[in-house]
Protein backbone atom coordinates (compact mmCIF):
# COMPACT_ATOMS: atom_id res chain seq x y z
CA MET A 1 -70.15 -9.23 16.16
CA ALA A 2 -67.88 -10.28 19.07
CA LEU A 3 -69.61 -12.21 22.06
CA THR A 4 -69.93 -10.59 25.49
CA MET A 5 -68.93 -12.84 28.46
CA THR A 6 -72.79 -13.02 29.42
CA ASP A 7 -73.39 -14.53 25.74
CA VAL A 8 -70.71 -16.96 26.60
CA ASP A 9 -71.70 -17.73 29.84
CA ARG A 10 -75.06 -18.60 28.51
CA PHE A 11 -73.61 -21.28 26.00
CA GLU A 12 -71.49 -22.69 29.01
CA ALA A 13 -74.85 -23.32 30.66
CA ALA A 14 -76.26 -24.96 28.01
CA ARG A 15 -73.18 -26.80 27.24
CA PRO A 16 -74.10 -30.36 29.41
CA ARG A 17 -77.38 -30.41 27.98
CA LEU A 18 -76.08 -30.02 24.47
CA GLU A 19 -73.30 -32.57 24.88
CA ALA A 20 -75.67 -34.86 26.11
CA ILE A 21 -78.26 -34.67 23.31
CA ALA A 22 -75.11 -34.91 20.96
CA TYR A 23 -73.94 -38.16 22.54
CA ARG A 24 -77.06 -39.84 22.30
CA LEU A 25 -77.61 -38.76 18.58
CA LEU A 26 -73.71 -39.88 18.06
CA GLY A 27 -72.84 -42.79 20.28
CA SER A 28 -69.57 -41.28 20.40
CA ALA A 29 -68.31 -38.98 23.18
CA SER A 30 -65.74 -37.52 21.26
CA GLU A 31 -67.93 -36.59 18.31
CA ALA A 32 -70.60 -35.01 20.48
CA GLU A 33 -67.70 -32.79 21.96
CA ASP A 34 -66.77 -31.51 18.53
CA ALA A 35 -70.49 -31.08 17.54
CA VAL A 36 -70.81 -28.85 20.46
CA GLN A 37 -67.75 -26.74 19.89
CA ASP A 38 -68.91 -26.64 16.34
CA THR A 39 -72.45 -25.13 17.86
CA PHE A 40 -70.45 -22.69 19.59
CA LEU A 41 -68.45 -21.35 16.61
CA ARG A 42 -72.10 -20.88 15.10
CA TRP A 43 -73.19 -18.94 18.31
CA GLN A 44 -70.31 -16.97 17.95
CA ALA A 45 -70.86 -15.73 14.50
CA ALA A 46 -74.45 -15.48 15.02
CA ASP A 47 -76.38 -11.82 16.11
CA VAL A 48 -77.48 -13.23 19.47
CA ASP A 49 -79.12 -10.18 20.26
CA ARG A 50 -81.68 -11.31 17.54
CA ILE A 51 -82.10 -15.03 19.07
CA ASP A 52 -85.34 -14.69 21.05
CA VAL A 53 -85.09 -18.51 22.22
CA PRO A 54 -81.28 -19.12 23.03
CA GLU A 55 -81.70 -22.51 24.20
CA ALA A 56 -84.14 -23.56 21.13
CA TRP A 57 -81.48 -21.99 18.84
CA LEU A 58 -78.75 -23.99 20.00
CA THR A 59 -80.63 -27.17 19.99
CA LYS A 60 -81.88 -26.92 16.62
CA VAL A 61 -78.09 -26.06 15.29
CA LEU A 62 -76.59 -28.43 17.31
CA THR A 63 -79.21 -31.22 15.96
CA ASN A 64 -78.81 -30.27 12.43
CA LEU A 65 -75.02 -30.91 12.84
CA CYS A 66 -75.76 -34.14 14.29
CA LEU A 67 -77.76 -35.21 11.94
CA ASN A 68 -75.22 -34.46 9.02
CA GLN A 69 -72.59 -36.16 11.17
CA LEU A 70 -75.07 -39.66 11.31
CA THR A 71 -75.43 -39.24 7.63
CA SER A 72 -71.66 -39.60 6.96
CA ALA A 73 -70.88 -41.90 9.98
CA ARG A 74 -72.87 -44.62 7.92
CA ALA A 75 -71.00 -44.44 5.18
CA ARG A 76 -67.90 -44.90 7.65
CA ARG A 77 -69.24 -47.44 9.57
CA GLU A 78 -69.50 -49.58 6.46
CA THR A 79 -65.78 -50.04 6.36
CA TYR A 80 -65.31 -49.99 10.02
CA VAL A 81 -63.06 -52.85 11.12
CA GLY A 82 -65.27 -55.58 12.95
CA GLN A 83 -68.54 -54.48 14.81
CA TRP A 84 -68.73 -51.16 15.87
CA LEU A 85 -70.39 -50.27 19.38
CA PRO A 86 -70.64 -47.03 21.35
CA GLU A 87 -68.78 -45.32 23.38
CA PRO A 88 -69.52 -45.86 27.17
CA LEU A 89 -69.71 -43.31 29.95
CA LEU A 90 -68.44 -44.42 33.43
CA ALA A 91 -70.83 -43.70 36.39
CA GLY A 92 -71.15 -39.97 37.00
CA ASP A 93 -69.89 -39.18 33.82
CA PRO A 94 -72.32 -35.44 33.27
CA MET A 95 -72.54 -36.27 29.34
CA LEU A 96 -74.84 -39.00 30.41
CA GLY A 97 -77.60 -36.36 31.21
CA PRO A 98 -80.79 -36.23 32.70
CA ALA A 99 -81.82 -39.58 34.80
CA ASP A 100 -84.69 -38.48 36.58
CA THR A 101 -87.23 -40.81 34.90
CA ALA A 102 -87.28 -44.48 33.66
CA GLU A 103 -87.41 -43.21 29.72
CA GLN A 104 -84.15 -40.83 30.49
CA ARG A 105 -82.15 -43.30 31.98
CA GLU A 106 -83.35 -46.01 29.11
CA SER A 107 -82.33 -43.96 26.44
CA VAL A 108 -78.68 -43.78 27.01
CA SER A 109 -78.39 -47.05 28.15
CA TYR A 110 -75.47 -48.95 26.34
CA ALA A 111 -78.81 -51.51 24.75
CA VAL A 112 -80.34 -48.64 23.26
CA LEU A 113 -77.55 -46.70 22.03
CA THR A 114 -76.85 -50.24 20.25
CA LEU A 115 -80.20 -49.74 18.79
CA LEU A 116 -80.54 -46.67 17.93
CA GLU A 117 -77.74 -47.61 15.33
CA ARG A 118 -80.78 -49.43 13.46
CA LEU A 119 -82.87 -46.15 13.32
CA THR A 120 -82.57 -43.47 10.50
CA PRO A 121 -80.64 -40.29 11.51
CA ASN A 122 -84.36 -38.53 11.63
CA GLU A 123 -85.60 -41.03 13.58
CA ARG A 124 -83.13 -41.18 16.14
CA ALA A 125 -83.31 -37.32 16.60
CA VAL A 126 -86.68 -37.36 17.33
CA TYR A 127 -86.85 -40.54 19.97
CA VAL A 128 -83.99 -38.79 21.46
CA LEU A 129 -85.24 -35.34 21.61
CA ARG A 130 -88.79 -36.36 22.93
CA GLU A 131 -88.01 -39.55 24.91
CA ALA A 132 -84.69 -38.03 26.56
CA PHE A 133 -85.08 -34.61 26.62
CA GLY A 134 -89.24 -34.04 26.86
CA HIS A 135 -89.35 -31.68 23.71
CA SER A 136 -92.85 -31.78 22.20
CA HIS A 137 -93.91 -32.68 18.80
CA ARG A 138 -94.36 -29.14 18.04
CA GLU A 139 -90.76 -28.12 19.15
CA ILE A 140 -89.35 -31.20 17.36
CA ALA A 141 -91.10 -29.94 14.21
CA GLU A 142 -89.49 -26.66 14.49
CA ILE A 143 -86.06 -28.27 15.09
CA LEU A 144 -86.05 -31.14 12.23
CA ASP A 145 -88.24 -28.83 9.62
CA LEU A 146 -91.31 -31.44 9.93
CA THR A 147 -94.94 -31.03 10.24
CA GLU A 148 -96.17 -31.75 13.87
CA ALA A 149 -97.94 -34.90 12.86
CA ALA A 150 -94.55 -36.48 10.90
CA SER A 151 -92.69 -35.59 14.44
CA GLN A 152 -95.54 -38.02 16.01
CA GLN A 153 -95.39 -40.60 13.49
CA ILE A 154 -91.70 -40.82 13.19
CA PHE A 155 -91.55 -41.15 16.98
CA HIS A 156 -94.10 -44.01 17.48
CA ARG A 157 -91.91 -45.76 14.88
CA ALA A 158 -88.74 -45.20 16.30
CA LYS A 159 -90.21 -46.46 19.62
CA LYS A 160 -91.68 -49.48 18.60
CA HIS A 161 -88.05 -50.46 16.44
CA VAL A 162 -86.18 -50.01 20.05
CA ALA A 163 -88.75 -51.63 22.08
CA ASP A 164 -88.79 -54.52 19.85
CA GLY A 165 -85.33 -54.95 20.32
CA ARG A 166 -85.03 -54.94 23.90
CA SER A 167 -86.30 -55.78 27.22
CA ARG A 168 -86.32 -53.46 30.14
CA THR A 169 -84.82 -53.82 33.69
CA GLU A 170 -84.08 -50.83 35.85
CA ILE A 171 -80.76 -52.05 38.46
CA ASP A 172 -79.42 -49.84 41.10
CA GLU A 173 -75.88 -49.36 41.95
CA ALA A 174 -75.87 -52.00 44.40
CA ALA A 175 -77.35 -55.00 42.34
CA ALA A 176 -75.09 -53.69 39.36
CA ARG A 177 -71.88 -54.15 41.48
CA ARG A 178 -73.55 -57.39 43.03
CA ILE A 179 -73.94 -59.17 39.17
CA VAL A 180 -70.14 -58.16 38.09
CA GLU A 181 -68.86 -59.58 41.32
CA GLU A 182 -70.85 -62.78 40.63
CA PHE A 183 -69.93 -63.07 36.74
CA LEU A 184 -66.37 -62.22 37.87
CA ALA A 185 -66.08 -65.41 39.97
CA ALA A 186 -67.99 -67.60 37.81
CA ALA A 187 -65.94 -66.25 34.59
CA THR A 188 -62.82 -67.03 36.74
CA SER A 189 -63.94 -70.48 38.51
CA GLY A 190 -62.73 -72.80 35.77
CA GLN A 191 -65.97 -74.02 35.30
CA THR A 192 -68.43 -73.22 32.78
CA ASP A 193 -71.62 -74.36 34.09
CA LEU A 194 -71.63 -71.73 36.37
CA LEU A 195 -71.36 -68.93 33.59
CA VAL A 196 -74.40 -70.67 31.22
CA ARG A 197 -76.60 -70.79 34.61
CA MET A 198 -76.28 -66.86 34.77
CA LEU A 199 -76.67 -66.17 31.22
CA THR A 200 -79.92 -66.41 28.97
CA GLU A 201 -80.47 -69.31 26.47
CA ASP A 202 -79.67 -66.65 23.55
CA ALA A 203 -77.24 -64.80 25.48
CA VAL A 204 -74.35 -62.75 23.18
CA ALA A 205 -70.94 -61.20 23.77
CA ILE A 206 -69.78 -58.58 20.93
CA GLY A 207 -66.50 -57.00 20.95
CA ASP A 208 -64.99 -53.56 19.34
CA GLY A 209 -61.70 -53.39 18.53
CA GLY A 210 -61.49 -51.03 15.97
CA GLY A 211 -59.06 -53.04 13.97
CA LYS A 212 -56.53 -51.84 16.91
CA VAL A 213 -57.23 -54.41 19.16
CA PRO A 214 -58.36 -57.99 18.56
CA ALA A 215 -62.04 -58.44 18.69
CA ARG A 216 -64.11 -61.12 17.09
CA ALA A 217 -66.18 -60.13 13.76
CA LYS A 218 -68.90 -61.89 14.62
CA ALA A 219 -70.39 -62.08 18.03
CA PHE A 220 -70.49 -65.63 20.06
CA GLU A 221 -74.36 -66.58 20.49
CA GLY A 222 -76.20 -69.04 22.76
CA ALA A 223 -75.44 -69.53 26.84
CA LEU A 224 -72.75 -72.31 26.00
CA ALA A 225 -70.72 -70.61 23.35
CA VAL A 226 -70.61 -67.22 25.57
CA ALA A 227 -69.98 -69.16 28.32
CA LYS A 228 -67.00 -70.73 26.63
CA PHE A 229 -65.48 -67.69 25.29
CA MET A 230 -65.53 -65.98 28.88
CA ARG A 231 -63.92 -68.66 30.41
CA GLY A 232 -61.48 -68.39 28.02
CA LEU A 233 -61.21 -64.36 27.99
CA PHE A 234 -60.46 -64.39 31.70
CA LYS A 235 -57.96 -66.67 31.94
CA PRO A 236 -54.19 -65.33 32.11
CA SER A 237 -51.41 -65.26 29.92
CA GLU A 238 -48.25 -63.45 28.89
CA ALA A 239 -50.01 -62.87 25.34
CA LYS A 240 -52.84 -60.97 26.86
CA ARG A 241 -50.34 -59.21 29.34
CA ALA A 242 -48.39 -57.83 25.89
CA LEU A 243 -51.26 -56.87 24.41
CA VAL A 244 -52.78 -54.15 27.15
CA GLY A 245 -49.02 -53.65 27.98
CA GLY A 246 -48.75 -54.81 31.41
CA SER A 247 -50.86 -56.20 34.77
CA ALA A 248 -54.50 -55.73 34.22
CA ASP A 249 -56.81 -55.33 37.28
CA MET A 250 -60.66 -55.24 36.83
CA TRP A 251 -63.42 -53.37 38.97
CA ALA A 252 -67.33 -53.48 39.24
CA THR A 253 -68.87 -49.85 38.26
CA THR A 254 -71.65 -48.83 36.07
CA ALA A 255 -71.37 -47.45 32.41
CA ASN A 256 -74.34 -45.62 30.78
CA GLY A 257 -76.60 -46.90 33.70
CA ALA A 258 -75.86 -50.52 33.62
CA PRO A 259 -73.31 -53.10 35.05
CA ALA A 260 -69.79 -53.09 33.74
CA VAL A 261 -66.37 -54.18 34.15
CA VAL A 262 -63.91 -51.65 34.13
CA VAL A 263 -60.22 -53.16 32.89
CA ALA A 264 -57.28 -50.93 33.70
CA VAL A 265 -53.25 -51.14 33.84
CA ASP A 266 -51.89 -48.50 35.50
CA GLY A 267 -54.56 -45.95 35.49
CA ARG A 268 -55.46 -46.26 31.70
CA VAL A 269 -58.82 -48.18 31.01
CA VAL A 270 -58.10 -50.39 28.37
CA GLY A 271 -61.65 -52.08 28.42
CA VAL A 272 -65.07 -51.69 29.67
CA MET A 273 -67.46 -54.56 29.22
CA CYS A 274 -70.94 -53.90 29.61
CA LEU A 275 -73.61 -56.38 30.84
CA GLU A 276 -77.02 -56.13 29.64
CA VAL A 277 -79.59 -57.95 32.05
CA ASP A 278 -83.45 -58.90 32.22
CA ALA A 279 -85.42 -60.89 34.44
CA GLU A 280 -83.80 -64.20 32.87
CA GLY A 281 -80.34 -63.24 33.18
CA ILE A 282 -77.46 -61.61 31.42
CA ALA A 283 -78.73 -61.41 27.76
CA ALA A 284 -75.53 -59.87 26.44
CA PHE A 285 -71.44 -58.61 26.48
CA ARG A 286 -70.76 -55.64 24.89
CA SER A 287 -67.21 -55.03 25.39
CA GLN A 288 -65.18 -51.80 24.03
CA VAL A 289 -61.60 -52.37 23.69
CA ASN A 290 -61.19 -49.63 20.81
CA PRO A 291 -58.66 -47.08 22.44
CA ASP A 292 -60.21 -44.40 20.28
CA LYS A 293 -63.31 -44.98 22.61
CA LEU A 294 -61.61 -45.11 25.87
CA GLU A 295 -60.15 -41.98 26.29
CA ARG A 296 -62.98 -40.12 27.67
CA ALA A 297 -63.35 -43.09 30.17
CA THR A 298 -59.75 -42.79 31.36
CA ARG A 299 -60.17 -39.21 31.99
CA ARG A 300 -63.40 -40.21 34.40
CA TRP A 301 -61.34 -43.14 35.74
CA ALA A 302 -58.00 -41.07 36.85
CA ALA A 303 -60.37 -37.99 38.34
CA THR A 304 -62.46 -40.75 40.47
CA GLU A 305 -61.21 -42.83 43.78
CA HIS A 306 -61.80 -46.43 44.08
CA GLU A 307 -61.50 -49.63 45.80
CA ALA A 308 -59.32 -52.47 45.39
CA PRO A 309 -60.05 -54.20 42.21
CA LEU A 310 -62.31 -57.35 42.38
CA LEU A 311 -59.66 -58.91 40.20
CA HIS A 312 -55.99 -58.83 39.15
CA ALA A 313 -56.73 -60.40 35.62
CA PHE A 314 -53.44 -61.17 33.89
């Protein structure tokens, strides 16, 4: 049965929410877009007049598509070159979804998205639907074909796994910019001790190049090791200019709600470094330099206005 314009409009009204769910489930904006498009194809093929609650139907279809995707993604990531990190979303991206509560903001943070990779597909789905989108356990049970009691048990288990892996610190936009400014000043000062003082004792630095851009397969661990790495990373060189295809500039922004450094060459984003901050300092640097995971960031960057860069890097 062909969709009416009303049916199409109903789906388009749900699209932002569906994309936000899919992104949290998959950690990839491009895969989230594909999952939502597949959901539309199923909506198109369905007898929509017989669907009592379209939002619930769409959420169920999308979630199960994402669960199938997560199962195959686990196998692909076993052969992924180097570290696998989520695709970052820059400030204002509608795919970030609801941000009214601390739980919603935290559920899309880069740190939590990384932790969600440790969960089973069902744990991840229950956690996202409950924590970020406020679904009741009864609704989740219907979406995932579980009992309500099973949904509750899975949620508590998933929440404990996530809570055990991070410390929660909320940072507003002004504070995020200040942290990035101070970090870049220290990283380019040539003085390792300035960086060490900004870091937690057990700080880590991780990069995802996807085998397309050089990135160390093993994380740097400990304040001194990370500081030495950062000092070298921000030292200009012809080799770095050649690697990124020109002279790179750096800006302070937020990605997934946390302080971030955007590295761009002629309007093309070539790197996003997300800073995880807790009460003791910067605890982690997660750098996304895989060009396949920066296409949406580049589109978002090109569509927004920016102040002058903080740093002409290479």
